[in-house]
Amino acid sequence: MTVLVTGASGFLGRHLIKELYQHERVFGGIVCVNRQPFSSPFIQKSYRCDLGDSDRSEASFYGLKYIMKQYNPKHIFHLASKATVKMEGDEPFSMLESNILSTQKVCQWAPKGAKVVLASSVIVYGDRDSSGGYTEEDITDPTSIYGMTKRASESILNYYTSTGQIRGVSARMCATVGRGLTHGVVYDFIRKLKNNPTLEALGSHPGSVKPYCHVDDLTQALMLLSMGEASGVYNIVPDDMINIEEVAETVMASLEIYKDIEWLGEKSNWKGDNKLISVDNAKIKHLGWNPKYKSKQAIVKAVKDIIKS
């Protein structure tokens, strides 16, 4: 038995393959697909293949279609994507190709009956009033190209699931932190606190309000979704959310570096980013997922791990 992971060289992918290796009896050997060359002691084979490339040379020896036929994976984790709202201003077409086309290829060429877990995002809900917490049944109305590509990817997954080709499940993830983090507000704050006289923060005091999930909790959720009969959509978030000021204070306390926060104003925010993300996690908890870390705890552990690495 084989498990296929796209985007394995990324932050989440590296953590996931390490966890999958610990459960080799369940998932089998690990085969990876990445844009760039990638090696790891935990994998069976890694292929360089740009899933977002619009070139239709499906017969390519190292193409995804060949990989699917060669290994016949029973479990597929589709993590490959252009990952953030921050990127879309410079690369909207690249993001559309990478996120949507890659999902189409994975679903179309997956072995019949394979379980496909899609890395989606809570950003698909948009920037509406979510004081009660978005549930999986709520309407999605993304305000960014990134969010739109994730919603489109979910629709592609749902289509191929409805035809019986695959067994698909979408994991709507939030901001994720942990060892090896190279982007996002927590990483930016660490870098700025070490190098700048003040701590610059996007937006106005006290900043956007969001949940922050530790990568260890997230990988456990993804494997849970793949192993069972779960289908449809699941929110993967911790039990709380915090604002940017609280994130900054938590990072400063963890580093023991204290500086004034310089708010850059509303115009500094990334276009399409959500100011409030309140999401309900009851559905995934019914499957037995119990996150170890709340948002502040996740950030504290992540900062300590990052400065050690």
Protein backbone atom coordinates (compact mmCIF):
# COMPACT_ATOMS: atom_id res chain seq x y z
CA MET A 1 0.00 0.00 0.00
CA THR A 2 1.20 3.51 -0.84
CA VAL A 3 0.32 7.05 0.24
CA LEU A 4 0.90 9.99 -2.13
CA VAL A 5 1.65 13.49 -0.83
CA THR A 6 1.73 16.53 -3.11
CA GLY A 7 3.60 19.57 -1.87
CA ALA A 8 5.58 17.39 0.55
CA SER A 9 8.55 19.77 0.63
CA GLY A 10 6.48 22.58 2.14
CA PHE A 11 6.07 23.41 5.82
CA LEU A 12 3.00 21.23 6.36
CA GLY A 13 4.20 18.51 3.99
CA ARG A 14 7.47 17.95 5.87
CA HIS A 15 5.61 17.50 9.14
CA LEU A 16 2.97 15.26 7.59
CA ILE A 17 5.38 12.81 5.95
CA LYS A 18 7.27 12.43 9.22
CA GLU A 19 4.01 11.58 10.98
CA LEU A 20 2.91 9.24 8.18
CA TYR A 21 6.22 7.40 8.49
CA GLN A 22 5.40 6.72 12.15
CA HIS A 23 2.18 5.04 10.94
CA GLU A 24 3.69 3.08 8.05
CA ARG A 25 1.66 -0.02 8.89
CA VAL A 26 -1.52 1.94 8.18
CA PHE A 27 -0.46 4.06 5.20
CA GLY A 28 2.42 2.12 3.63
CA GLY A 29 5.30 3.68 1.70
CA ILE A 30 5.32 7.42 1.03
CA VAL A 31 5.63 8.81 -2.50
CA CYS A 32 5.96 12.58 -2.94
CA VAL A 33 5.32 15.05 -5.73
CA ASN A 34 6.98 18.48 -5.59
CA ARG A 35 7.86 21.42 -7.83
CA GLN A 36 11.50 21.25 -6.74
CA PRO A 37 13.84 18.34 -5.99
CA PHE A 38 13.18 16.95 -2.52
CA SER A 39 14.67 14.20 -0.40
CA SER A 40 13.79 12.82 3.03
CA PRO A 41 14.71 9.69 5.00
CA PHE A 42 11.00 9.07 5.54
CA ILE A 43 9.92 8.64 1.90
CA GLN A 44 10.04 5.84 -0.64
CA LYS A 45 10.32 8.04 -3.73
CA SER A 46 10.10 11.71 -4.68
CA TYR A 47 9.20 13.07 -8.12
CA ARG A 48 9.68 16.56 -9.46
CA CYS A 49 6.42 17.55 -11.12
CA ASP A 50 4.75 20.97 -11.35
CA LEU A 51 1.06 20.15 -10.96
CA GLY A 52 0.11 23.73 -11.79
CA ASP A 53 1.78 23.62 -15.19
CA SER A 54 -0.87 24.04 -17.91
CA ASP A 55 1.24 21.98 -20.33
CA ARG A 56 -0.96 18.99 -21.19
CA SER A 57 1.89 16.52 -21.80
CA GLU A 58 0.22 13.83 -19.69
CA ALA A 59 2.42 11.13 -21.17
CA SER A 60 5.49 12.61 -19.51
CA PHE A 61 7.41 9.84 -17.74
CA TYR A 62 7.44 11.83 -14.53
CA GLY A 63 3.93 13.18 -14.93
CA LEU A 64 1.30 12.70 -12.24
CA LYS A 65 -0.66 10.27 -14.41
CA TYR A 66 2.35 7.95 -14.60
CA ILE A 67 2.95 8.23 -10.84
CA MET A 68 -0.65 7.32 -10.05
CA LYS A 69 -0.53 4.25 -12.31
CA GLN A 70 2.87 3.17 -11.04
CA TYR A 71 2.04 3.27 -7.32
CA ASN A 72 -1.77 3.04 -7.16
CA PRO A 73 -1.99 5.05 -3.90
CA LYS A 74 -4.93 4.33 -1.61
CA HIS A 75 -4.45 7.57 0.34
CA ILE A 76 -3.64 10.95 -1.25
CA PHE A 77 -2.89 14.17 0.61
CA HIS A 78 -3.12 17.12 -1.80
CA LEU A 79 -1.18 19.92 -0.11
CA ALA A 80 0.44 21.55 -3.14
CA SER A 81 -0.71 25.13 -3.73
CA LYS A 82 0.27 28.76 -3.80
CA ALA A 83 -0.22 29.21 -0.13
CA THR A 84 -1.22 32.71 0.97
CA VAL A 85 -3.39 35.75 0.33
CA LYS A 86 -0.16 37.80 0.49
CA MET A 87 1.07 36.26 -2.79
CA GLU A 88 -1.94 36.88 -4.97
CA GLY A 89 -1.30 40.53 -5.80
CA ASP A 90 1.85 39.62 -7.70
CA GLU A 91 0.90 36.19 -9.02
CA PRO A 92 -2.88 35.87 -9.54
CA PHE A 93 -2.66 33.75 -12.70
CA SER A 94 0.00 31.52 -11.22
CA MET A 95 -2.18 31.01 -8.17
CA LEU A 96 -5.21 30.12 -10.29
CA GLU A 97 -3.22 27.58 -12.29
CA SER A 98 -1.42 26.10 -9.32
CA ASN A 99 -4.36 25.69 -6.97
CA ILE A 100 -7.19 24.77 -9.33
CA LEU A 101 -5.41 22.89 -12.11
CA SER A 102 -3.40 20.81 -9.65
CA THR A 103 -6.59 19.69 -7.89
CA GLN A 104 -8.19 18.77 -11.21
CA LYS A 105 -5.18 16.60 -12.11
CA VAL A 106 -5.07 14.87 -8.71
CA CYS A 107 -8.78 14.04 -8.77
CA GLN A 108 -8.89 13.01 -12.44
CA TRP A 109 -5.90 10.67 -12.29
CA ALA A 110 -6.34 9.28 -8.77
CA PRO A 111 -6.98 5.51 -8.64
CA LYS A 112 -10.67 4.67 -8.37
CA GLY A 113 -11.77 4.67 -4.74
CA ALA A 114 -8.67 6.44 -3.40
CA LYS A 115 -9.17 8.63 -0.33
CA VAL A 116 -8.15 12.19 -1.25
CA VAL A 117 -7.67 14.77 1.51
CA LEU A 118 -7.58 18.33 0.15
CA ALA A 119 -5.81 21.08 2.06
CA SER A 120 -8.40 23.86 1.90
CA SER A 121 -8.78 26.94 4.10
CA VAL A 122 -11.25 28.63 6.43
CA ILE A 123 -10.71 31.74 4.32
CA VAL A 124 -13.41 30.37 1.97
CA TYR A 125 -16.03 31.66 4.42
CA GLY A 126 -15.19 35.26 3.59
CA ASP A 127 -15.32 38.32 5.81
CA ARG A 128 -18.90 38.22 7.06
CA ASP A 129 -20.24 38.24 10.63
CA SER A 130 -19.19 34.93 12.16
CA SER A 131 -19.78 35.71 15.82
CA GLY A 132 -21.43 32.34 16.29
CA GLY A 133 -18.62 30.50 14.52
CA TYR A 134 -18.81 29.29 10.91
CA THR A 135 -19.92 25.69 10.55
CA GLU A 136 -19.30 23.48 7.53
CA GLU A 137 -22.90 24.07 6.41
CA ASP A 138 -22.52 27.85 6.19
CA ILE A 139 -22.36 29.64 2.84
CA THR A 140 -18.88 30.30 1.49
CA ASP A 141 -18.14 33.76 0.08
CA PRO A 142 -14.37 34.28 -0.22
CA THR A 143 -13.03 37.80 -0.66
CA SER A 144 -9.63 36.85 -2.11
CA ILE A 145 -8.40 35.02 -5.19
CA TYR A 146 -6.68 32.53 -2.89
CA GLY A 147 -9.99 31.82 -1.13
CA MET A 148 -11.76 31.49 -4.48
CA THR A 149 -9.22 28.92 -5.68
CA LYS A 150 -9.76 26.89 -2.53
CA ARG A 151 -13.52 26.97 -2.95
CA ALA A 152 -13.14 25.93 -6.60
CA SER A 153 -10.82 23.10 -5.55
CA GLU A 154 -13.42 21.87 -3.08
CA SER A 155 -16.01 21.85 -5.88
CA ILE A 156 -13.71 19.79 -8.10
CA LEU A 157 -13.14 17.33 -5.27
CA ASN A 158 -16.89 17.10 -4.64
CA TYR A 159 -17.58 16.42 -8.31
CA TYR A 160 -15.17 13.50 -8.55
CA THR A 161 -16.49 12.16 -5.25
CA SER A 162 -20.07 12.29 -6.54
CA THR A 163 -19.09 10.27 -9.63
CA GLY A 164 -17.55 7.54 -7.46
CA GLN A 165 -14.04 8.13 -8.80
CA ILE A 166 -12.59 9.08 -5.41
CA ARG A 167 -13.57 9.44 -1.77
CA GLY A 168 -12.84 13.10 -1.10
CA VAL A 169 -12.70 15.21 2.04
CA SER A 170 -11.76 18.90 2.37
CA ALA A 171 -9.82 20.07 5.41
CA ARG A 172 -10.48 23.77 5.97
CA MET A 173 -7.35 24.83 7.80
CA CYS A 174 -6.44 28.06 9.58
CA ALA A 175 -3.08 29.77 10.19
CA THR A 176 -0.66 27.00 11.16
CA VAL A 177 2.51 27.36 13.22
CA GLY A 178 5.39 25.10 14.28
CA ARG A 179 9.03 24.17 13.75
CA GLY A 180 10.29 25.04 10.27
CA LEU A 181 7.82 27.91 9.74
CA THR A 182 9.10 30.33 7.07
CA HIS A 183 6.14 32.66 6.52
CA GLY A 184 3.14 34.16 8.30
CA VAL A 185 2.67 36.68 11.07
CA VAL A 186 4.44 34.67 13.79
CA TYR A 187 7.53 34.18 11.64
CA ASP A 188 7.48 37.85 10.59
CA PHE A 189 7.23 39.01 14.21
CA ILE A 190 10.21 36.87 15.23
CA ARG A 191 12.31 38.35 12.43
CA LYS A 192 11.21 41.93 13.12
CA LEU A 193 11.77 41.71 16.86
CA LYS A 194 15.34 40.56 16.28
CA ASN A 195 16.17 43.20 13.66
CA ASN A 196 13.94 46.29 14.00
CA PRO A 197 13.66 49.03 16.66
CA THR A 198 9.85 48.63 16.80
CA LEU A 199 7.44 45.85 15.91
CA GLU A 200 5.44 46.80 12.82
CA ALA A 201 1.97 45.24 12.59
CA LEU A 202 -0.53 45.37 9.74
CA GLY A 203 -3.88 47.03 10.33
CA SER A 204 -5.12 48.99 13.32
CA HIS A 205 -5.11 48.15 17.03
CA PRO A 206 -5.80 45.41 18.14
CA GLY A 207 -5.62 43.76 14.68
CA SER A 208 -7.45 40.89 13.02
CA VAL A 209 -8.85 38.03 15.09
CA LYS A 210 -8.03 34.47 14.02
CA PRO A 211 -7.32 30.94 15.28
CA TYR A 212 -3.76 29.55 15.16
CA CYS A 213 -3.31 25.79 14.95
CA HIS A 214 -0.12 23.94 15.84
CA VAL A 215 1.15 21.78 12.99
CA ASP A 216 1.24 18.68 15.22
CA ASP A 217 -2.49 19.01 15.85
CA LEU A 218 -3.14 19.60 12.16
CA THR A 219 -1.26 16.51 10.97
CA GLN A 220 -3.23 14.39 13.43
CA ALA A 221 -6.47 15.78 12.00
CA LEU A 222 -5.42 15.13 8.40
CA MET A 223 -4.53 11.51 9.12
CA LEU A 224 -7.80 11.04 10.99
CA LEU A 225 -9.74 12.30 7.96
CA SER A 226 -7.84 9.94 5.65
CA MET A 227 -8.13 6.78 7.74
CA GLY A 228 -11.85 6.81 8.44
CA GLU A 229 -15.03 7.17 6.43
CA ALA A 230 -15.08 10.96 6.74
CA SER A 231 -16.35 12.83 3.69
CA GLY A 232 -17.38 16.35 2.82
CA VAL A 233 -15.86 19.32 4.64
CA TYR A 234 -14.23 19.69 8.06
CA ASN A 235 -13.00 22.80 9.87
CA ILE A 236 -9.58 22.15 11.42
CA VAL A 237 -9.14 24.86 14.04
CA PRO A 238 -8.28 25.02 17.76
CA ASP A 239 -10.83 25.93 20.43
CA ASP A 240 -10.11 29.67 20.44
CA MET A 241 -8.92 32.67 18.45
CA ILE A 242 -6.74 35.67 19.30
CA ASN A 243 -6.03 39.11 17.85
CA ILE A 244 -2.76 40.37 16.37
CA GLU A 245 -1.87 42.33 19.51
CA GLU A 246 -2.12 39.10 21.52
CA VAL A 247 0.01 37.31 18.91
CA ALA A 248 2.66 40.03 19.20
CA GLU A 249 2.64 39.95 23.00
CA THR A 250 2.91 36.16 22.99
CA VAL A 251 5.87 36.19 20.60
CA MET A 252 7.61 38.93 22.61
CA ALA A 253 7.14 37.04 25.88
CA SER A 254 8.44 33.82 24.30
CA LEU A 255 11.55 35.58 22.97
CA GLU A 256 11.90 37.83 26.02
CA ILE A 257 12.27 40.73 23.61
CA TYR A 258 9.85 43.60 24.24
CA LYS A 259 9.28 46.45 21.78
CA ASP A 260 6.54 48.95 21.01
CA ILE A 261 3.99 47.87 18.41
CA GLU A 262 3.75 50.24 15.44
CA TRP A 263 0.37 49.83 13.74
CA LEU A 264 0.59 50.53 10.00
CA GLY A 265 -3.12 51.25 9.42
CA GLU A 266 -5.93 49.58 7.50
CA LYS A 267 -4.40 50.31 4.08
CA SER A 268 -1.46 48.07 4.98
CA ASN A 269 -3.64 44.96 5.21
CA TRP A 270 -3.40 42.41 2.42
CA LYS A 271 -6.30 42.77 0.01
CA GLY A 272 -8.86 40.05 0.65
CA ASP A 273 -7.55 39.07 4.07
CA ASN A 274 -10.26 38.44 6.67
CA LYS A 275 -10.41 40.62 9.79
CA LEU A 276 -12.38 38.06 11.78
CA ILE A 277 -12.28 34.29 11.45
CA SER A 278 -14.48 32.53 13.98
CA VAL A 279 -14.94 28.87 13.10
CA ASP A 280 -16.69 25.95 14.79
CA ASN A 281 -14.72 22.69 15.17
CA ALA A 282 -17.43 20.42 16.59
CA LYS A 283 -17.64 18.23 13.47
CA ILE A 284 -14.00 17.14 13.48
CA LYS A 285 -14.13 16.67 17.25
CA HIS A 286 -16.96 14.17 16.77
CA LEU A 287 -14.43 12.04 14.88
CA GLY A 288 -12.18 12.00 17.93
CA TRP A 289 -9.84 14.90 17.19
CA ASN A 290 -8.74 16.68 20.36
CA PRO A 291 -6.24 19.49 19.69
CA LYS A 292 -3.45 19.64 22.23
CA TYR A 293 -2.80 23.37 21.85
CA LYS A 294 -4.94 26.48 21.94
CA SER A 295 -3.81 29.46 19.85
CA LYS A 296 -1.44 31.08 22.37
CA GLN A 297 -0.01 27.72 23.42
CA ALA A 298 0.60 26.83 19.77
CA ILE A 299 2.46 30.10 19.20
CA VAL A 300 4.60 29.71 22.35
CA LYS A 301 5.68 26.21 21.33
CA ALA A 302 6.28 27.28 17.74
CA VAL A 303 8.48 30.21 18.73
CA LYS A 304 10.58 28.07 21.06
CA ASP A 305 11.00 25.40 18.39
CA ILE A 306 11.85 27.94 15.69
CA ILE A 307 14.60 29.65 17.70
CA LYS A 308 16.09 26.24 18.56
CA SER A 309 16.27 25.12 14.94
